[in-house]
Amino acid sequence: MRSIVLLAAASLALAACGTNKFDDDPLYDAGFSDGCATGTARTPGTPVSKAVRDQNLWDESEAYRVGWKGGYGACSPGGRGDTPGGDRDIGGR
């Protein structure tokens, strides 16, 4: 029983290392790149004026959306409370 608990704990720890179900999806990579471009284009403390985003992919691909949000969060200077695409701004649904 103890070994099962240790195995489960180790599995959870490894799962938290940043992998996701879209790691091998090229649309995730495209979204990450576009999100990062948007994040690096903004000045700290200001909202994004225009997102770099493929609206068709945003509407159709979960991998693209997850990648975009990840790229924006990774490359944005400052807080994450104003993440575009949070379905409140820049044409989000």
PDB file of N, CA and C in Angstrom:
ATOM      1  N   MET A   1       0.834  -1.200   0.000  1.00  0.00           N
ATOM      2  CA  MET A   1       0.000   0.000   0.000  1.00  0.00           C
ATOM      3  C   MET A   1       0.869   1.250   0.000  1.00  0.00           C
ATOM      4  N   ARG A   2       1.908   1.234   0.807  1.00  0.00           N
ATOM      5  CA  ARG A   2       2.790   2.404   0.893  1.00  0.00           C
ATOM      6  C   ARG A   2       3.458   2.679  -0.454  1.00  0.00           C
ATOM      7  N   SER A   3       3.847   1.624  -1.156  1.00  0.00           N
ATOM      8  CA  SER A   3       4.495   1.820  -2.455  1.00  0.00           C
ATOM      9  C   SER A   3       3.527   2.412  -3.478  1.00  0.00           C
ATOM     10  N   ILE A   4       2.259   2.071  -3.385  1.00  0.00           N
ATOM     11  CA  ILE A   4       1.258   2.638  -4.290  1.00  0.00           C
ATOM     12  C   ILE A   4       1.102   4.131  -4.033  1.00  0.00           C
ATOM     13  N   VAL A   5       1.083   4.520  -2.776  1.00  0.00           N
ATOM     14  CA  VAL A   5       0.964   5.936  -2.420  1.00  0.00           C
ATOM     15  C   VAL A   5       2.187   6.703  -2.919  1.00  0.00           C
ATOM     16  N   LEU A   6       3.377   6.137  -2.739  1.00  0.00           N
ATOM     17  CA  LEU A   6       4.598   6.791  -3.209  1.00  0.00           C
ATOM     18  C   LEU A   6       4.618   6.905  -4.732  1.00  0.00           C
ATOM     19  N   LEU A   7       4.179   5.858  -5.401  1.00  0.00           N
ATOM     20  CA  LEU A   7       4.115   5.887  -6.859  1.00  0.00           C
ATOM     21  C   LEU A   7       3.130   6.947  -7.342  1.00  0.00           C
ATOM     22  N   ALA A   8       1.991   7.045  -6.703  1.00  0.00           N
ATOM     23  CA  ALA A   8       0.996   8.056  -7.069  1.00  0.00           C
ATOM     24  C   ALA A   8       1.533   9.461  -6.832  1.00  0.00           C
ATOM     25  N   ALA A   9       2.210   9.664  -5.722  1.00  0.00           N
ATOM     26  CA  ALA A   9       2.780  10.977  -5.415  1.00  0.00           C
ATOM     27  C   ALA A   9       3.862  11.351  -6.427  1.00  0.00           C
ATOM     28  N   ALA A  10       4.691  10.400  -6.795  1.00  0.00           N
ATOM     29  CA  ALA A  10       5.735  10.658  -7.788  1.00  0.00           C
ATOM     30  C   ALA A  10       5.124  10.983  -9.149  1.00  0.00           C
ATOM     31  N   SER A  11       4.073  10.286  -9.516  1.00  0.00           N
ATOM     32  CA  SER A  11       3.401  10.540 -10.792  1.00  0.00           C
ATOM     33  C   SER A  11       2.808  11.940 -10.829  1.00  0.00           C
ATOM     34  N   LEU A  12       2.181  12.349  -9.741  1.00  0.00           N
ATOM     35  CA  LEU A  12       1.615  13.704  -9.679  1.00  0.00           C
ATOM     36  C   LEU A  12       2.702  14.760  -9.749  1.00  0.00           C
ATOM     37  N   ALA A  13       3.815  14.524  -9.078  1.00  0.00           N
ATOM     38  CA  ALA A  13       4.921  15.480  -9.103  1.00  0.00           C
ATOM     39  C   ALA A  13       5.471  15.630 -10.515  1.00  0.00           C
ATOM     40  N   LEU A  14       5.626  14.542 -11.220  1.00  0.00           N
ATOM     41  CA  LEU A  14       6.118  14.615 -12.590  1.00  0.00           C
ATOM     42  C   LEU A  14       5.106  15.262 -13.521  1.00  0.00           C
ATOM     43  N   ALA A  15       3.857  15.023 -13.296  1.00  0.00           N
ATOM     44  CA  ALA A  15       2.816  15.619 -14.134  1.00  0.00           C
ATOM     45  C   ALA A  15       2.784  17.131 -13.988  1.00  0.00           C
ATOM     46  N   ALA A  16       3.204  17.643 -12.872  1.00  0.00           N
ATOM     47  CA  ALA A  16       3.191  19.083 -12.620  1.00  0.00           C
ATOM     48  C   ALA A  16       4.402  19.782 -13.214  1.00  0.00           C
ATOM     49  N   CYS A  17       5.246  19.076 -13.908  1.00  0.00           N
ATOM     50  CA  CYS A  17       6.474  19.660 -14.452  1.00  0.00           C
ATOM     51  C   CYS A  17       6.254  20.470 -15.718  1.00  0.00           C
ATOM     52  N   GLY A  18       5.057  20.707 -16.136  1.00  0.00           N
ATOM     53  CA  GLY A  18       4.812  21.587 -17.255  1.00  0.00           C
ATOM     54  C   GLY A  18       4.385  20.904 -18.539  1.00  0.00           C
ATOM     55  N   THR A  19       4.160  19.634 -18.528  1.00  0.00           N
ATOM     56  CA  THR A  19       3.686  18.990 -19.743  1.00  0.00           C
ATOM     57  C   THR A  19       2.179  19.165 -19.853  1.00  0.00           C
ATOM     58  N   ASN A  20       1.699  19.150 -21.079  1.00  0.00           N
ATOM     59  CA  ASN A  20       0.254  19.185 -21.286  1.00  0.00           C
ATOM     60  C   ASN A  20      -0.088  18.341 -22.495  1.00  0.00           C
ATOM     61  N   LYS A  21      -1.345  18.147 -22.722  1.00  0.00           N
ATOM     62  CA  LYS A  21      -1.774  17.247 -23.794  1.00  0.00           C
ATOM     63  C   LYS A  21      -1.499  17.801 -25.182  1.00  0.00           C
ATOM     64  N   PHE A  22      -1.054  19.036 -25.280  1.00  0.00           N
ATOM     65  CA  PHE A  22      -0.800  19.658 -26.572  1.00  0.00           C
ATOM     66  C   PHE A  22       0.688  19.818 -26.887  1.00  0.00           C
ATOM     67  N   ASP A  23       1.557  19.211 -26.105  1.00  0.00           N
ATOM     68  CA  ASP A  23       2.994  19.402 -26.296  1.00  0.00           C
ATOM     69  C   ASP A  23       3.481  19.091 -27.708  1.00  0.00           C
ATOM     70  N   ASP A  24       2.898  18.121 -28.375  1.00  0.00           N
ATOM     71  CA  ASP A  24       3.338  17.742 -29.712  1.00  0.00           C
ATOM     72  C   ASP A  24       2.446  18.294 -30.815  1.00  0.00           C
ATOM     73  N   ASP A  25       1.585  19.227 -30.480  1.00  0.00           N
ATOM     74  CA  ASP A  25       0.647  19.780 -31.454  1.00  0.00           C
ATOM     75  C   ASP A  25       1.226  21.066 -32.052  1.00  0.00           C
ATOM     76  N   PRO A  26       1.406  21.129 -33.379  1.00  0.00           N
ATOM     77  CA  PRO A  26       1.962  22.341 -33.990  1.00  0.00           C
ATOM     78  C   PRO A  26       1.071  23.573 -33.797  1.00  0.00           C
ATOM     79  N   LEU A  27      -0.227  23.373 -33.598  1.00  0.00           N
ATOM     80  CA  LEU A  27      -1.102  24.523 -33.356  1.00  0.00           C
ATOM     81  C   LEU A  27      -0.845  25.124 -31.977  1.00  0.00           C
ATOM     82  N   TYR A  28      -0.458  24.291 -31.012  1.00  0.00           N
ATOM     83  CA  TYR A  28      -0.060  24.810 -29.704  1.00  0.00           C
ATOM     84  C   TYR A  28       1.166  25.702 -29.876  1.00  0.00           C
ATOM     85  N   ASP A  29       2.143  25.218 -30.640  1.00  0.00           N
ATOM     86  CA  ASP A  29       3.363  26.000 -30.860  1.00  0.00           C
ATOM     87  C   ASP A  29       3.061  27.318 -31.563  1.00  0.00           C
ATOM     88  N   ALA A  30       2.169  27.286 -32.556  1.00  0.00           N
ATOM     89  CA  ALA A  30       1.793  28.519 -33.256  1.00  0.00           C
ATOM     90  C   ALA A  30       1.106  29.487 -32.304  1.00  0.00           C
ATOM     91  N   GLY A  31       0.215  28.975 -31.480  1.00  0.00           N
ATOM     92  CA  GLY A  31      -0.461  29.821 -30.500  1.00  0.00           C
ATOM     93  C   GLY A  31       0.505  30.406 -29.495  1.00  0.00           C
ATOM     94  N   PHE A  32       1.438  29.585 -29.015  1.00  0.00           N
ATOM     95  CA  PHE A  32       2.435  30.064 -28.053  1.00  0.00           C
ATOM     96  C   PHE A  32       3.250  31.200 -28.666  1.00  0.00           C
ATOM     97  N   SER A  33       3.666  31.018 -29.901  1.00  0.00           N
ATOM     98  CA  SER A  33       4.452  32.042 -30.586  1.00  0.00           C
ATOM     99  C   SER A  33       3.663  33.345 -30.727  1.00  0.00           C
ATOM    100  N   ASP A  34       2.402  33.262 -31.149  1.00  0.00           N
ATOM    101  CA  ASP A  34       1.573  34.461 -31.296  1.00  0.00           C
ATOM    102  C   ASP A  34       1.307  35.127 -29.943  1.00  0.00           C
ATOM    103  N   GLY A  35       1.025  34.324 -28.927  1.00  0.00           N
ATOM    104  CA  GLY A  35       0.802  34.882 -27.592  1.00  0.00           C
ATOM    105  C   GLY A  35       2.038  35.569 -27.050  1.00  0.00           C
ATOM    106  N   CYS A  36       3.182  34.963 -27.284  1.00  0.00           N
ATOM    107  CA  CYS A  36       4.433  35.560 -26.827  1.00  0.00           C
ATOM    108  C   CYS A  36       4.703  36.881 -27.559  1.00  0.00           C
ATOM    109  N   ALA A  37       4.427  36.907 -28.865  1.00  0.00           N
ATOM    110  CA  ALA A  37       4.594  38.146 -29.633  1.00  0.00           C
ATOM    111  C   ALA A  37       3.696  39.248 -29.080  1.00  0.00           C
ATOM    112  N   THR A  38       2.487  38.898 -28.688  1.00  0.00           N
ATOM    113  CA  THR A  38       1.570  39.869 -28.091  1.00  0.00           C
ATOM    114  C   THR A  38       2.090  40.337 -26.738  1.00  0.00           C
ATOM    115  N   GLY A  39       2.556  39.403 -25.928  1.00  0.00           N
ATOM    116  CA  GLY A  39       3.047  39.750 -24.595  1.00  0.00           C
ATOM    117  C   GLY A  39       4.273  40.635 -24.619  1.00  0.00           C
ATOM    118  N   THR A  40       5.187  40.385 -25.536  1.00  0.00           N
ATOM    119  CA  THR A  40       6.405  41.188 -25.588  1.00  0.00           C
ATOM    120  C   THR A  40       6.169  42.549 -26.221  1.00  0.00           C
ATOM    121  N   ALA A  41       5.060  42.706 -26.940  1.00  0.00           N
ATOM    122  CA  ALA A  41       4.767  43.984 -27.594  1.00  0.00           C
ATOM    123  C   ALA A  41       4.152  45.007 -26.655  1.00  0.00           C
ATOM    124  N   ARG A  42       3.717  44.583 -25.481  1.00  0.00           N
ATOM    125  CA  ARG A  42       3.044  45.534 -24.593  1.00  0.00           C
ATOM    126  C   ARG A  42       4.003  46.120 -23.561  1.00  0.00           C
ATOM    127  N   THR A  43       3.642  47.277 -23.072  1.00  0.00           N
ATOM    128  CA  THR A  43       4.388  47.954 -22.026  1.00  0.00           C
ATOM    129  C   THR A  43       3.803  47.546 -20.681  1.00  0.00           C
ATOM    130  N   PRO A  44       4.648  47.306 -19.673  1.00  0.00           N
ATOM    131  CA  PRO A  44       4.111  46.908 -18.357  1.00  0.00           C
ATOM    132  C   PRO A  44       3.063  47.895 -17.855  1.00  0.00           C
ATOM    133  N   GLY A  45       1.967  47.360 -17.364  1.00  0.00           N
ATOM    134  CA  GLY A  45       0.917  48.178 -16.784  1.00  0.00           C
ATOM    135  C   GLY A  45      -0.086  48.727 -17.780  1.00  0.00           C
ATOM    136  N   THR A  46       0.075  48.391 -19.045  1.00  0.00           N
ATOM    137  CA  THR A  46      -0.869  48.872 -20.048  1.00  0.00           C
ATOM    138  C   THR A  46      -1.569  47.697 -20.697  1.00  0.00           C
ATOM    139  N   PRO A  47      -2.788  47.922 -21.163  1.00  0.00           N
ATOM    140  CA  PRO A  47      -3.487  46.831 -21.857  1.00  0.00           C
ATOM    141  C   PRO A  47      -2.895  46.620 -23.250  1.00  0.00           C
ATOM    142  N   VAL A  48      -3.172  45.488 -23.824  1.00  0.00           N
ATOM    143  CA  VAL A  48      -2.730  45.187 -25.176  1.00  0.00           C
ATOM    144  C   VAL A  48      -3.594  45.967 -26.156  1.00  0.00           C
ATOM    145  N   SER A  49      -2.955  46.644 -27.115  1.00  0.00           N
ATOM    146  CA  SER A  49      -3.734  47.409 -28.076  1.00  0.00           C
ATOM    147  C   SER A  49      -4.210  46.536 -29.233  1.00  0.00           C
ATOM    148  N   LYS A  50      -3.395  45.584 -29.658  1.00  0.00           N
ATOM    149  CA  LYS A  50      -3.797  44.669 -30.725  1.00  0.00           C
ATOM    150  C   LYS A  50      -3.077  43.347 -30.511  1.00  0.00           C
ATOM    151  N   ALA A  51      -3.856  42.302 -30.368  1.00  0.00           N
ATOM    152  CA  ALA A  51      -3.277  40.975 -30.159  1.00  0.00           C
ATOM    153  C   ALA A  51      -2.783  40.390 -31.471  1.00  0.00           C
ATOM    154  N   VAL A  52      -1.652  39.698 -31.414  1.00  0.00           N
ATOM    155  CA  VAL A  52      -1.192  38.897 -32.541  1.00  0.00           C
ATOM    156  C   VAL A  52      -1.896  37.560 -32.379  1.00  0.00           C
ATOM    157  N   ARG A  53      -2.889  37.335 -33.221  1.00  0.00           N
ATOM    158  CA  ARG A  53      -3.701  36.135 -33.043  1.00  0.00           C
ATOM    159  C   ARG A  53      -4.418  35.788 -34.342  1.00  0.00           C
ATOM    160  N   ASP A  54      -4.406  34.518 -34.683  1.00  0.00           N
ATOM    161  CA  ASP A  54      -5.156  34.012 -35.830  1.00  0.00           C
ATOM    162  C   ASP A  54      -6.565  33.710 -35.334  1.00  0.00           C
ATOM    163  N   GLN A  55      -7.498  34.563 -35.689  1.00  0.00           N
ATOM    164  CA  GLN A  55      -8.848  34.445 -35.148  1.00  0.00           C
ATOM    165  C   GLN A  55      -9.520  33.127 -35.525  1.00  0.00           C
ATOM    166  N   ASN A  56      -9.266  32.630 -36.730  1.00  0.00           N
ATOM    167  CA  ASN A  56      -9.863  31.348 -37.126  1.00  0.00           C
ATOM    168  C   ASN A  56      -9.345  30.217 -36.251  1.00  0.00           C
ATOM    169  N   LEU A  57      -8.037  30.171 -36.019  1.00  0.00           N
ATOM    170  CA  LEU A  57      -7.485  29.138 -35.150  1.00  0.00           C
ATOM    171  C   LEU A  57      -7.969  29.318 -33.715  1.00  0.00           C
ATOM    172  N   TRP A  58      -8.065  30.567 -33.267  1.00  0.00           N
ATOM    173  CA  TRP A  58      -8.553  30.846 -31.918  1.00  0.00           C
ATOM    174  C   TRP A  58      -9.965  30.269 -31.730  1.00  0.00           C
ATOM    175  N   ASP A  59     -10.798  30.453 -32.736  1.00  0.00           N
ATOM    176  CA  ASP A  59     -12.180  29.985 -32.656  1.00  0.00           C
ATOM    177  C   ASP A  59     -12.290  28.460 -32.743  1.00  0.00           C
ATOM    178  N   GLU A  60     -11.386  27.827 -33.480  1.00  0.00           N
ATOM    179  CA  GLU A  60     -11.533  26.406 -33.786  1.00  0.00           C
ATOM    180  C   GLU A  60     -10.626  25.460 -32.996  1.00  0.00           C
ATOM    181  N   SER A  61      -9.503  25.938 -32.480  1.00  0.00           N
ATOM    182  CA  SER A  61      -8.510  25.021 -31.918  1.00  0.00           C
ATOM    183  C   SER A  61      -8.223  25.291 -30.446  1.00  0.00           C
ATOM    184  N   GLU A  62      -8.549  24.318 -29.629  1.00  0.00           N
ATOM    185  CA  GLU A  62      -8.219  24.429 -28.206  1.00  0.00           C
ATOM    186  C   GLU A  62      -6.705  24.475 -28.015  1.00  0.00           C
ATOM    187  N   ALA A  63      -5.975  23.712 -28.802  1.00  0.00           N
ATOM    188  CA  ALA A  63      -4.507  23.699 -28.689  1.00  0.00           C
ATOM    189  C   ALA A  63      -3.935  25.094 -28.951  1.00  0.00           C
ATOM    190  N   TYR A  64      -4.440  25.776 -29.968  1.00  0.00           N
ATOM    191  CA  TYR A  64      -3.983  27.126 -30.281  1.00  0.00           C
ATOM    192  C   TYR A  64      -4.293  28.079 -29.122  1.00  0.00           C
ATOM    193  N   ARG A  65      -5.519  28.009 -28.593  1.00  0.00           N
ATOM    194  CA  ARG A  65      -5.908  28.899 -27.487  1.00  0.00           C
ATOM    195  C   ARG A  65      -5.038  28.659 -26.252  1.00  0.00           C
ATOM    196  N   VAL A  66      -4.828  27.392 -25.898  1.00  0.00           N
ATOM    197  CA  VAL A  66      -4.007  27.070 -24.724  1.00  0.00           C
ATOM    198  C   VAL A  66      -2.573  27.544 -24.950  1.00  0.00           C
ATOM    199  N   GLY A  67      -2.043  27.318 -26.147  1.00  0.00           N
ATOM    200  CA  GLY A  67      -0.693  27.775 -26.467  1.00  0.00           C
ATOM    201  C   GLY A  67      -0.578  29.284 -26.434  1.00  0.00           C
ATOM    202  N   TRP A  68      -1.588  29.980 -26.979  1.00  0.00           N
ATOM    203  CA  TRP A  68      -1.570  31.441 -27.007  1.00  0.00           C
ATOM    204  C   TRP A  68      -1.539  32.009 -25.589  1.00  0.00           C
ATOM    205  N   LYS A  69      -2.411  31.487 -24.746  1.00  0.00           N
ATOM    206  CA  LYS A  69      -2.468  31.981 -23.366  1.00  0.00           C
ATOM    207  C   LYS A  69      -1.178  31.669 -22.626  1.00  0.00           C
ATOM    208  N   GLY A  70      -0.595  30.496 -22.890  1.00  0.00           N
ATOM    209  CA  GLY A  70       0.677  30.143 -22.272  1.00  0.00           C
ATOM    210  C   GLY A  70       1.801  31.049 -22.738  1.00  0.00           C
ATOM    211  N   GLY A  71       1.845  31.339 -24.032  1.00  0.00           N
ATOM    212  CA  GLY A  71       2.873  32.224 -24.579  1.00  0.00           C
ATOM    213  C   GLY A  71       2.726  33.642 -24.069  1.00  0.00           C
ATOM    214  N   TYR A  72       1.495  34.105 -23.994  1.00  0.00           N
ATOM    215  CA  TYR A  72       1.261  35.455 -23.473  1.00  0.00           C
ATOM    216  C   TYR A  72       1.708  35.551 -22.019  1.00  0.00           C
ATOM    217  N   GLY A  73       1.334  34.560 -21.223  1.00  0.00           N
ATOM    218  CA  GLY A  73       1.724  34.576 -19.815  1.00  0.00           C
ATOM    219  C   GLY A  73       3.225  34.477 -19.619  1.00  0.00           C
ATOM    220  N   ALA A  74       3.887  33.705 -20.462  1.00  0.00           N
ATOM    221  CA  ALA A  74       5.329  33.522 -20.331  1.00  0.00           C
ATOM    222  C   ALA A  74       6.111  34.766 -20.765  1.00  0.00           C
ATOM    223  N   CYS A  75       5.590  35.515 -21.714  1.00  0.00           N
ATOM    224  CA  CYS A  75       6.346  36.621 -22.298  1.00  0.00           C
ATOM    225  C   CYS A  75       5.850  38.009 -21.907  1.00  0.00           C
ATOM    226  N   SER A  76       4.742  38.087 -21.214  1.00  0.00           N
ATOM    227  CA  SER A  76       4.159  39.378 -20.860  1.00  0.00           C
ATOM    228  C   SER A  76       4.897  40.006 -19.678  1.00  0.00           C
ATOM    229  N   PRO A  77       5.271  41.272 -19.800  1.00  0.00           N
ATOM    230  CA  PRO A  77       5.909  41.946 -18.670  1.00  0.00           C
ATOM    231  C   PRO A  77       4.866  42.383 -17.649  1.00  0.00           C
ATOM    232  N   GLY A  78       4.926  41.877 -16.475  1.00  0.00           N
ATOM    233  CA  GLY A  78       3.986  42.306 -15.439  1.00  0.00           C
ATOM    234  C   GLY A  78       2.896  41.307 -15.178  1.00  0.00           C
ATOM    235  N   GLY A  79       1.795  41.835 -14.621  1.00  0.00           N
ATOM    236  CA  GLY A  79       0.701  40.998 -14.151  1.00  0.00           C
ATOM    237  C   GLY A  79      -0.030  40.250 -15.232  1.00  0.00           C
ATOM    238  N   ARG A  80      -0.747  39.211 -14.820  1.00  0.00           N
ATOM    239  CA  ARG A  80      -1.496  38.376 -15.746  1.00  0.00           C
ATOM    240  C   ARG A  80      -2.991  38.639 -15.673  1.00  0.00           C
ATOM    241  N   GLY A  81      -3.417  39.616 -14.898  1.00  0.00           N
ATOM    242  CA  GLY A  81      -4.846  39.823 -14.714  1.00  0.00           C
ATOM    243  C   GLY A  81      -5.568  40.347 -15.935  1.00  0.00           C
ATOM    244  N   ASP A  82      -4.818  40.847 -16.914  1.00  0.00           N
ATOM    245  CA  ASP A  82      -5.444  41.438 -18.087  1.00  0.00           C
ATOM    246  C   ASP A  82      -5.166  40.613 -19.337  1.00  0.00           C
ATOM    247  N   THR A  83      -5.058  39.310 -19.190  1.00  0.00           N
ATOM    248  CA  THR A  83      -4.722  38.455 -20.319  1.00  0.00           C
ATOM    249  C   THR A  83      -5.757  38.575 -21.416  1.00  0.00           C
ATOM    250  N   PRO A  84      -5.344  39.070 -22.600  1.00  0.00           N
ATOM    251  CA  PRO A  84      -6.292  39.135 -23.694  1.00  0.00           C
ATOM    252  C   PRO A  84      -6.701  37.730 -24.085  1.00  0.00           C
ATOM    253  N   GLY A  85      -7.908  37.593 -24.552  1.00  0.00           N
ATOM    254  CA  GLY A  85      -8.399  36.276 -24.897  1.00  0.00           C
ATOM    255  C   GLY A  85      -9.051  35.615 -23.708  1.00  0.00           C
ATOM    256  N   GLY A  86      -9.114  36.336 -22.600  1.00  0.00           N
ATOM    257  CA  GLY A  86      -9.821  35.828 -21.445  1.00  0.00           C
ATOM    258  C   GLY A  86     -11.315  35.973 -21.669  1.00  0.00           C
ATOM    259  N   ASP A  87     -11.678  36.095 -22.930  1.00  0.00           N
ATOM    260  CA  ASP A  87     -13.059  36.175 -23.366  1.00  0.00           C
ATOM    261  C   ASP A  87     -13.735  37.454 -22.901  1.00  0.00           C
ATOM    262  N   ARG A  88     -12.953  38.477 -22.621  1.00  0.00           N
ATOM    263  CA  ARG A  88     -13.532  39.753 -22.223  1.00  0.00           C
ATOM    264  C   ARG A  88     -13.077  40.883 -23.128  1.00  0.00           C
ATOM    265  N   ASP A  89     -12.010  40.673 -23.914  1.00  0.00           N
ATOM    266  CA  ASP A  89     -11.485  41.773 -24.699  1.00  0.00           C
ATOM    267  C   ASP A  89     -10.929  41.283 -26.032  1.00  0.00           C
ATOM    268  N   ILE A  90     -10.570  42.183 -26.865  1.00  0.00           N
ATOM    269  CA  ILE A  90      -9.980  41.935 -28.171  1.00  0.00           C
ATOM    270  C   ILE A  90     -10.740  40.838 -28.919  1.00  0.00           C
ATOM    271  N   GLY A  91     -12.016  40.942 -28.964  1.00  0.00           N
ATOM    272  CA  GLY A  91     -12.815  40.022 -29.754  1.00  0.00           C
ATOM    273  C   GLY A  91     -12.954  38.625 -29.186  1.00  0.00           C
ATOM    274  N   GLY A  92     -12.610  38.436 -27.916  1.00  0.00           N
ATOM    275  CA  GLY A  92     -12.776  37.109 -27.326  1.00  0.00           C
ATOM    276  C   GLY A  92     -14.232  36.710 -27.280  1.00  0.00           C
ATOM    277  N   ARG A  93     -14.483  35.409 -27.257  1.00  0.00           N
ATOM    278  CA  ARG A  93     -15.866  34.938 -27.227  1.00  0.00           C
ATOM    279  C   ARG A  93     -16.335  34.742 -25.826  1.00  0.00           C
TER     280      ARG A  93
END
